[in-house]
Protein backbone atom coordinates (compact mmCIF):
# COMPACT_ATOMS: atom_id res chain seq x y z
CA MET A 1 -28.20 169.00 121.95
CA ASP A 2 -29.85 165.57 121.49
CA PHE A 3 -27.90 163.46 124.02
CA LYS A 4 -29.73 160.32 122.98
CA LYS A 5 -28.46 160.64 119.39
CA LEU A 6 -24.95 161.48 120.62
CA LYS A 7 -24.90 158.39 122.85
CA HIS A 8 -26.04 156.25 119.93
CA ALA A 9 -23.32 157.66 117.63
CA GLY A 10 -20.68 157.01 120.29
CA LEU A 11 -21.81 153.40 120.58
CA ILE A 12 -21.49 152.89 116.82
CA LEU A 13 -18.04 154.50 116.80
CA GLY A 14 -16.89 152.18 119.60
CA ILE A 15 -18.05 149.12 117.69
CA LEU A 16 -16.23 150.26 114.55
CA ILE A 17 -12.97 150.82 116.47
CA THR A 18 -13.26 147.37 118.06
CA LEU A 19 -13.78 145.72 114.67
CA LEU A 20 -10.84 147.64 113.19
CA LEU A 21 -8.49 146.57 115.99
CA ALA A 22 -9.59 142.95 115.64
CA ALA A 23 -8.92 143.03 111.90
CA CYS A 24 -5.42 144.44 112.48
CA GLY A 25 -4.72 141.72 115.01
CA ASP A 26 -5.82 138.99 112.61
CA SER A 27 -3.66 140.50 109.88
CA GLU A 28 -0.53 140.49 112.06
CA GLU A 29 -1.20 136.99 113.32
CA GLY A 30 -1.47 135.65 109.79
CA ALA A 31 1.64 137.43 108.51
CA GLY A 32 4.56 135.31 107.37
CA THR A 33 4.80 132.22 105.20
CA ASP A 34 1.86 130.33 103.77
CA ASP A 35 2.74 127.25 105.81
CA GLY A 36 2.00 129.04 109.09
CA THR A 37 5.57 128.97 110.38
CA ALA A 38 5.73 132.65 111.36
CA ASP A 39 5.84 133.65 115.02
CA SER A 40 3.93 136.52 116.63
CA ASN A 41 6.55 138.99 115.33
CA GLY A 42 6.18 137.79 111.75
CA ASP A 43 9.57 136.03 111.81
CA VAL A 44 9.75 132.66 110.07
CA ASP A 45 10.42 129.65 112.29
CA TYR A 46 12.81 127.93 109.91
CA GLY A 47 13.18 124.91 112.17
CA GLU A 48 9.47 124.18 111.89
CA ALA A 49 9.49 125.11 108.19
CA VAL A 50 12.03 122.38 107.38
CA ASP A 51 10.54 119.93 109.88
CA TYR A 52 13.72 120.17 111.98
CA THR A 53 15.56 118.24 109.27
CA ILE A 54 18.92 118.88 107.62
CA THR A 55 19.05 117.41 104.12
CA GLY A 56 22.30 115.45 103.83
CA ILE A 57 24.23 113.07 101.61
CA GLU A 58 25.66 109.57 102.00
CA PRO A 59 25.95 107.98 105.48
CA GLY A 60 29.58 107.79 106.59
CA ALA A 61 30.72 110.76 104.51
CA GLY A 62 32.87 113.17 106.49
CA ILE A 63 30.30 115.96 106.37
CA SER A 64 27.56 113.54 107.42
CA VAL A 65 29.52 112.48 110.49
CA THR A 66 30.30 116.11 111.34
CA THR A 67 26.67 117.14 110.96
CA GLU A 68 25.59 114.41 113.36
CA ALA A 69 28.17 115.81 115.78
CA ALA A 70 26.80 119.34 115.26
CA ILE A 71 23.33 118.18 116.26
CA GLU A 72 24.84 116.92 119.51
CA GLU A 73 26.95 120.03 120.14
CA TYR A 74 24.40 122.80 119.44
CA ASP A 75 21.69 123.08 122.11
CA ASN A 76 19.30 124.63 119.61
CA LEU A 77 19.65 121.61 117.29
CA GLN A 78 18.36 119.21 119.92
CA GLY A 79 15.49 117.27 118.38
CA TRP A 80 16.78 117.86 114.84
CA ASN A 81 17.86 115.07 112.50
CA VAL A 82 19.90 114.76 109.33
CA ALA A 83 18.26 112.92 106.44
CA LEU A 84 21.04 110.86 104.85
CA SER A 85 20.61 109.46 101.35
CA SER A 86 22.85 110.53 98.45
CA THR A 87 24.39 113.63 96.95
CA GLY A 88 22.07 113.34 93.95
CA ALA A 89 18.98 113.15 96.16
CA MET A 90 20.13 116.16 98.18
CA MET A 91 20.65 118.19 95.01
CA THR A 92 17.15 117.29 93.79
CA GLU A 93 15.70 118.52 97.08
CA LEU A 94 17.77 121.71 96.83
CA ASP A 95 16.73 122.38 93.23
CA ASN A 96 13.05 121.95 94.10
CA ALA A 97 13.29 124.17 97.19
CA ILE A 98 15.03 127.02 95.34
CA ARG A 99 12.66 126.75 92.39
CA ASN A 100 9.74 127.29 94.78
CA GLU A 101 11.67 129.66 97.10
CA GLU A 102 11.10 127.35 100.06
CA PRO A 103 13.29 126.97 103.15
CA ILE A 104 15.88 124.20 103.18
CA VAL A 105 19.03 123.45 105.18
CA ILE A 106 21.62 121.24 103.49
CA THR A 107 25.07 119.85 104.12
CA GLY A 108 27.25 121.83 101.73
CA TRP A 109 30.88 121.92 100.71
CA ASN A 110 33.32 123.58 98.36
CA PRO A 111 34.44 122.55 95.85
CA HIS A 112 31.06 121.52 94.41
CA TRP A 113 29.08 122.60 91.39
CA MET A 114 26.06 123.39 93.59
CA PHE A 115 27.49 126.88 94.08
CA ALA A 116 27.87 127.40 90.34
CA ALA A 117 24.30 126.23 89.77
CA HIS A 118 22.91 128.22 92.71
CA PRO A 119 25.24 131.16 93.43
CA ASP A 120 22.73 132.76 95.83
CA MET A 121 23.50 130.42 98.73
CA LYS A 122 25.42 130.97 101.95
CA TYR A 123 27.12 129.05 104.72
CA LEU A 124 25.62 129.45 108.16
CA GLU A 125 28.07 130.78 110.72
CA ASP A 126 29.43 128.05 112.98
CA PRO A 127 30.22 129.71 116.36
CA LEU A 128 31.20 126.40 118.00
CA GLU A 129 33.51 125.61 115.04
CA VAL A 130 32.15 122.08 114.76
CA TYR A 131 32.79 122.21 111.01
CA GLY A 132 36.18 123.85 111.45
CA GLY A 133 37.52 126.55 109.20
CA GLU A 134 39.10 126.35 105.79
CA GLU A 135 40.23 122.87 104.83
CA SER A 136 42.71 121.39 102.39
CA ILE A 137 42.48 118.25 100.28
CA HIS A 138 45.63 116.18 100.70
CA SER A 139 47.40 113.58 98.60
CA MET A 140 48.48 110.49 100.55
CA SER A 141 50.29 107.28 99.69
CA ARG A 142 51.11 103.88 101.08
CA LEU A 143 54.40 103.34 102.87
CA GLY A 144 57.17 102.42 100.43
CA PHE A 145 55.45 103.92 97.37
CA GLU A 146 58.16 106.54 96.85
CA GLU A 147 60.87 103.88 96.88
CA ASP A 148 58.94 101.48 94.65
CA GLN A 149 57.75 104.02 92.06
CA PRO A 150 59.71 107.28 92.42
CA GLU A 151 58.47 108.82 89.15
CA ALA A 152 54.81 108.21 89.99
CA TYR A 153 55.32 109.46 93.54
CA LYS A 154 56.98 112.63 92.32
CA MET A 155 54.18 113.48 89.89
CA ILE A 156 51.46 112.90 92.48
CA ASP A 157 53.46 114.92 94.98
CA GLN A 158 53.69 117.85 92.52
CA PHE A 159 49.98 117.76 91.64
CA GLU A 160 48.08 120.83 92.85
CA TRP A 161 45.25 122.99 91.58
CA ASN A 162 42.48 125.26 92.92
CA VAL A 163 38.80 125.27 93.82
CA GLU A 164 37.78 127.12 90.66
CA ASP A 165 39.51 124.54 88.44
CA MET A 166 37.71 121.69 90.13
CA GLU A 167 34.28 123.35 90.14
CA GLU A 168 34.66 124.23 86.44
CA ILE A 169 35.00 120.56 85.56
CA MET A 170 32.23 119.45 87.92
CA TYR A 171 29.73 122.03 86.66
CA LYS A 172 30.47 121.30 83.00
CA ALA A 173 29.89 117.60 83.62
CA GLU A 174 26.57 118.35 85.30
CA GLU A 175 25.45 120.76 82.58
CA THR A 176 26.40 118.62 79.59
CA GLY A 177 25.84 115.15 81.02
CA GLU A 178 29.27 114.11 79.75
CA ASP A 179 31.41 111.72 81.74
CA ILE A 180 33.57 113.66 84.18
CA ASP A 181 36.66 111.71 83.07
CA GLN A 182 36.20 112.97 79.51
CA ILE A 183 35.88 116.57 80.66
CA ALA A 184 38.90 116.14 82.95
CA ALA A 185 40.95 114.78 80.04
CA GLN A 186 39.95 117.76 77.90
CA TRP A 187 40.92 120.10 80.73
CA VAL A 188 44.39 118.53 80.72
CA GLU A 189 44.64 119.13 76.95
CA ASP A 190 43.55 122.77 77.38
CA ASN A 191 45.87 123.52 80.30
CA ALA A 192 49.20 122.13 79.16
CA ASP A 193 51.15 124.83 81.00
CA ARG A 194 49.54 123.89 84.31
CA VAL A 195 50.07 120.18 83.72
CA SER A 196 53.73 120.67 82.82
CA ALA A 197 54.40 121.89 86.37
CA TRP A 198 53.10 118.57 87.74
CA SER A 199 55.34 116.53 85.48
CA GLU A 200 58.45 118.67 85.84
CA GLY A 201 61.45 116.39 86.39
CA VAL A 202 59.35 113.25 85.95
CA GLU A 203 60.84 110.76 83.51
CA ASP A 204 58.63 109.09 80.90
CA VAL A 205 57.74 105.48 81.71
CA ASP A 206 56.35 102.57 79.77
CA GLY A 207 53.18 101.12 81.24
CA VAL A 208 54.04 101.50 84.94
CA GLU A 209 50.83 100.70 86.83
CA VAL A 210 49.52 103.08 89.50
CA SER A 211 46.50 102.38 91.69
CA LEU A 212 44.62 105.45 92.91
CA VAL A 213 41.81 105.08 95.43
CA SER A 214 39.13 107.73 95.77
CA THR A 215 35.65 108.52 97.05
CA PRO A 216 32.54 108.55 94.81
CA TRP A 217 32.15 112.35 94.90
CA ASP A 218 32.37 114.55 91.81
CA SER A 219 35.07 116.68 93.45
CA GLU A 220 37.34 113.66 93.82
CA ARG A 221 36.32 112.29 90.44
CA ALA A 222 37.51 115.57 88.94
CA SER A 223 40.93 115.49 90.63
CA SER A 224 41.49 111.79 89.96
CA GLY A 225 40.37 112.20 86.34
CA VAL A 226 42.72 115.11 85.75
CA LEU A 227 45.75 113.44 87.32
CA LYS A 228 45.00 110.14 85.56
CA ALA A 229 44.96 111.88 82.17
CA ALA A 230 48.14 113.82 82.97
CA MET A 231 50.01 110.71 84.17
CA GLU A 232 48.95 108.71 81.14
CA GLN A 233 50.67 111.35 78.98
CA LYS A 234 53.88 110.30 80.75
CA GLY A 235 53.28 106.60 80.06
CA PHE A 236 51.69 105.47 83.32
CA GLU A 237 48.71 103.12 83.41
CA VAL A 238 46.42 104.54 86.09
CA GLU A 239 43.48 102.74 87.65
CA VAL A 240 41.07 104.72 89.87
CA THR A 241 38.88 102.80 92.32
CA GLU A 242 36.00 104.54 94.11
CA VAL A 243 35.23 103.34 97.63
CA ASP A 244 33.87 104.58 100.95
CA VAL A 245 36.19 107.05 102.66
CA ALA A 246 37.04 104.57 105.43
CA ILE A 247 38.25 102.12 102.79
CA VAL A 248 40.39 104.84 101.20
CA PHE A 249 42.52 105.08 104.32
CA GLU A 250 42.43 101.37 105.06
CA SER A 251 43.57 100.42 101.55
CA LEU A 252 46.56 102.76 101.78
CA ALA A 253 47.49 101.45 105.22
CA THR A 254 47.37 97.84 104.02
CA GLY A 255 49.19 98.60 100.75
CA ASP A 256 46.24 97.57 98.58
CA ALA A 257 46.34 100.97 96.84
CA ASP A 258 49.22 103.27 95.97
CA ALA A 259 47.82 106.74 96.60
CA THR A 260 44.78 108.98 97.00
CA LEU A 261 44.00 112.63 96.27
CA ALA A 262 40.91 112.65 98.48
CA ALA A 263 41.89 113.24 102.12
CA TRP A 264 40.15 116.29 103.62
CA LEU A 265 42.06 117.80 106.55
CA PRO A 266 42.30 118.96 109.26
CA LEU A 267 38.72 118.10 110.21
CA THR A 268 36.53 116.20 107.76
CA HIS A 269 38.65 113.04 107.62
CA SER A 270 40.52 113.60 110.87
CA GLU A 271 39.09 110.47 112.49
CA PHE A 272 40.34 108.24 109.68
CA HIS A 273 43.67 110.03 109.46
CA GLU A 274 44.23 109.66 113.19
CA SER A 275 43.55 105.93 112.97
CA TYR A 276 45.94 105.27 110.08
CA LYS A 277 48.49 108.12 110.13
CA ASP A 278 51.36 105.86 111.20
CA ASP A 279 50.78 103.55 108.23
CA ILE A 280 50.40 106.12 105.44
CA VAL A 281 52.39 109.04 104.00
CA ASP A 282 50.81 112.52 103.97
CA MET A 283 52.15 114.16 100.81
CA GLY A 284 50.59 117.53 101.58
CA ALA A 285 47.75 119.58 100.11
CA ASN A 286 46.81 119.34 96.45
CA LEU A 287 44.02 121.92 96.90
CA VAL A 288 43.46 124.65 99.50
CA GLY A 289 40.31 126.62 100.25
CA ALA A 290 37.95 123.69 100.73
CA LYS A 291 35.06 124.21 103.15
CA ILE A 292 32.17 122.28 104.68
CA GLY A 293 29.16 123.38 106.71
CA LEU A 294 25.42 123.95 106.74
CA VAL A 295 24.19 125.89 103.72
CA VAL A 296 20.92 127.72 103.04
CA PRO A 297 19.56 129.89 100.20
CA LYS A 298 20.21 133.59 100.71
CA TYR A 299 16.49 134.34 100.74
CA MET A 300 16.30 132.70 104.16
CA ASP A 301 16.68 135.32 106.89
CA VAL A 302 19.08 133.29 109.01
CA ASP A 303 22.85 133.73 109.32
CA SER A 304 24.05 131.34 112.02
CA ILE A 305 23.46 127.76 113.08
CA GLU A 306 22.45 129.20 116.44
CA ASP A 307 19.59 131.10 114.75
CA LEU A 308 17.78 127.84 114.00
CA SER A 309 15.02 127.04 116.46
CA PRO A 310 15.07 123.89 118.62
CA ASN A 311 12.46 121.16 118.27
CA ASN A 312 10.74 121.65 121.63
């Protein structure tokens, strides 16, 4: 046996094995997303992928305030921030991210047409319950409204509908570009049996003025638009004014507005409700099944807020 040749062959085999192992190591190290946000196990670091930023809506909105609280409460969200701008800007960011199948974390809520436009989204679990559970949207009025305008009070008190109704109107407005008030009025025409339950026992009036105050969100535009159209069928003249949520509660407490359909409880607007509850009347829920929280596309392999990585 030629030991010299055998030794040479063994040396070549060793070099080939070394090169093969190095190539495998490089392949594993580079696995993951194109932006280099995968860890050594190939798992995506979604915190780094979204630059430790939650894409939010208007400053002062209930979900914006709660998200700022969530960043304080969750240890793994330390170093994160919420980018506050507008609902429209957030939706543009969401549309672009989903179109390119990129990671994004947004402030989400139901009812909203975002879930009709992008059904493959999910809420992140909220173990600390910062966002609370299921919420209701309540109707509220100023003190003395029932005595001053009993017919108007009764109709507002009897107004109730569901998440699917509201999202139907919101999504149609987004898809067609039509004014949400026009679509709401058509919904009233098409759902006479539903509307009749709201006006049951309510006497017709002649030009009685009612001032509704609301927030500039499509969900509240839908409910105000629907009730406005229904009340006008009974002879009321309804004016809807859109203001910041803090002004909604303040205007009821001071008597500058008659009623609102836009109070989210028990959590989202709890701070405002607590401040003004002695000076307003809670008429109860007009919609149940509302929800707020952090939302991501389903293609992101993350299920809980606690799965997001901290900004170390």
